Amino acid sequence: MPKPKDRSRSKRKVAVKVPGGKTKIIAKKKIHQDKQRCAICKSVLQATHSDKKMSKSEKRPERKFGGHLCHKCLDKVITQSTRLNEGIVAIDDIEIRFRPYVKKLSN
């Protein structure tokens, strides 16, 4: 029976040979998530951290869609929402991947 601390599925299981010649499955270190990525272009977000000692505001930027979109995609979303509000473009003219964020920003 594994120890209670090793019953988590977030721990990596590894098969190891023991001196008796048998193989035994032991729990190694926890599996960490990859870096956070932009929801639109999938590039790695620069200003996000996963340190547990930091406060929530230090882990991600305090701006609209902070920790969700990169600065380049956010710039495009802001531009498109401004054009939508001024009536220059229609919602059908905006790329599909930007639409949910433009709708949230234009409300």
Protein backbone atom coordinates (compact mmCIF):
# COMPACT_ATOMS: atom_id res chain seq x y z
CA MET A 1 0.00 0.00 0.00
CA PRO A 2 1.45 3.39 -0.96
CA LYS A 3 1.88 6.12 1.60
CA PRO A 4 -0.97 8.64 1.70
CA LYS A 5 1.32 11.37 0.34
CA ASP A 6 2.12 9.18 -2.70
CA ARG A 7 -1.50 8.42 -3.66
CA SER A 8 -1.86 11.60 -5.66
CA ARG A 9 -2.14 11.35 -9.42
CA SER A 10 -0.04 14.48 -9.77
CA LYS A 11 3.06 12.49 -8.80
CA ARG A 12 5.03 10.73 -11.49
CA LYS A 13 5.19 6.93 -11.06
CA VAL A 14 8.47 5.22 -11.98
CA ALA A 15 9.32 1.52 -12.15
CA VAL A 16 12.58 0.78 -10.28
CA LYS A 17 14.47 -2.48 -9.85
CA VAL A 18 15.02 -3.35 -6.20
CA PRO A 19 17.95 -5.47 -4.95
CA GLY A 20 15.74 -8.60 -4.79
CA GLY A 21 15.45 -8.56 -8.58
CA LYS A 22 11.82 -7.45 -8.66
CA THR A 23 10.48 -4.20 -10.05
CA LYS A 24 8.63 -1.85 -7.77
CA ILE A 25 6.63 1.24 -8.71
CA ILE A 26 7.62 4.26 -6.67
CA ALA A 27 6.31 7.80 -6.72
CA LYS A 28 8.84 10.39 -7.76
CA LYS A 29 8.45 14.15 -7.91
CA LYS A 30 5.29 16.07 -8.74
CA ILE A 31 4.50 16.80 -12.35
CA HIS A 32 4.66 20.56 -12.90
CA GLN A 33 2.64 22.40 -15.49
CA ASP A 34 4.27 23.98 -18.48
CA LYS A 35 4.60 27.72 -18.79
CA GLN A 36 1.37 29.66 -19.27
CA ARG A 37 0.55 30.46 -22.87
CA CYS A 38 -1.49 33.05 -24.73
CA ALA A 39 -5.03 31.87 -25.50
CA ILE A 40 -4.87 33.18 -29.07
CA CYS A 41 -1.34 32.77 -30.46
CA LYS A 42 -0.04 30.14 -27.96
CA SER A 43 3.18 32.06 -27.24
CA VAL A 44 4.66 31.82 -23.73
CA LEU A 45 3.47 34.59 -21.40
CA GLN A 46 6.41 36.49 -19.96
CA ALA A 47 5.03 38.15 -16.82
CA THR A 48 3.39 35.13 -15.16
CA HIS A 49 4.86 33.18 -12.26
CA SER A 50 3.74 30.10 -10.33
CA ASP A 51 5.62 30.69 -7.08
CA LYS A 52 3.32 29.85 -4.13
CA LYS A 53 4.92 32.48 -1.90
CA MET A 54 3.89 35.34 -4.20
CA SER A 55 0.53 37.07 -3.95
CA LYS A 56 -2.05 36.74 -6.70
CA SER A 57 -1.32 40.20 -8.08
CA GLU A 58 2.39 39.41 -8.32
CA LYS A 59 1.78 36.17 -10.24
CA ARG A 60 0.09 37.81 -13.21
CA PRO A 61 -0.22 41.31 -14.68
CA GLU A 62 -3.01 43.51 -13.32
CA ARG A 63 -4.59 44.53 -16.61
CA LYS A 64 -7.49 43.43 -18.76
CA PHE A 65 -6.99 39.77 -19.79
CA GLY A 66 -3.74 39.71 -17.76
CA GLY A 67 -2.29 36.20 -17.58
CA HIS A 68 -4.57 35.19 -20.45
CA LEU A 69 -3.40 37.10 -23.53
CA CYS A 70 0.03 38.31 -24.59
CA HIS A 71 0.61 42.02 -25.17
CA LYS A 72 0.54 41.71 -28.96
CA CYS A 73 -2.81 39.94 -29.07
CA LEU A 74 -4.25 42.31 -26.46
CA ASP A 75 -3.20 45.25 -28.64
CA LYS A 76 -5.06 43.72 -31.59
CA VAL A 77 -8.15 43.07 -29.45
CA ILE A 78 -8.21 46.67 -28.15
CA THR A 79 -7.81 48.02 -31.69
CA GLN A 80 -10.61 45.83 -33.03
CA SER A 81 -12.98 46.67 -30.15
CA THR A 82 -12.39 50.40 -30.68
CA ARG A 83 -13.14 50.04 -34.38
CA LEU A 84 -16.27 48.05 -33.53
CA ASN A 85 -17.48 50.70 -31.05
CA GLU A 86 -16.93 53.50 -33.57
CA GLY A 87 -18.79 51.59 -36.30
CA ILE A 88 -15.82 51.26 -38.64
CA VAL A 89 -16.07 47.45 -38.78
CA ALA A 90 -18.84 44.95 -38.07
CA ILE A 91 -18.50 41.99 -35.71
CA ASP A 92 -18.47 39.66 -38.76
CA ASP A 93 -15.35 41.38 -40.12
CA ILE A 94 -13.28 40.53 -36.99
CA GLU A 95 -11.30 37.28 -36.96
CA ILE A 96 -13.07 34.45 -35.15
CA ARG A 97 -10.27 33.91 -32.64
CA PHE A 98 -10.48 37.56 -31.49
CA ARG A 99 -14.29 37.80 -31.31
CA PRO A 100 -14.91 36.58 -27.73
CA TYR A 101 -12.36 39.03 -26.31
CA VAL A 102 -13.60 41.92 -28.47
CA LYS A 103 -17.18 41.28 -27.31
CA LYS A 104 -16.11 41.31 -23.65
CA LEU A 105 -14.13 44.50 -24.10
CA SER A 106 -16.75 46.39 -26.11
CA ASN A 107 -19.56 45.88 -23.56
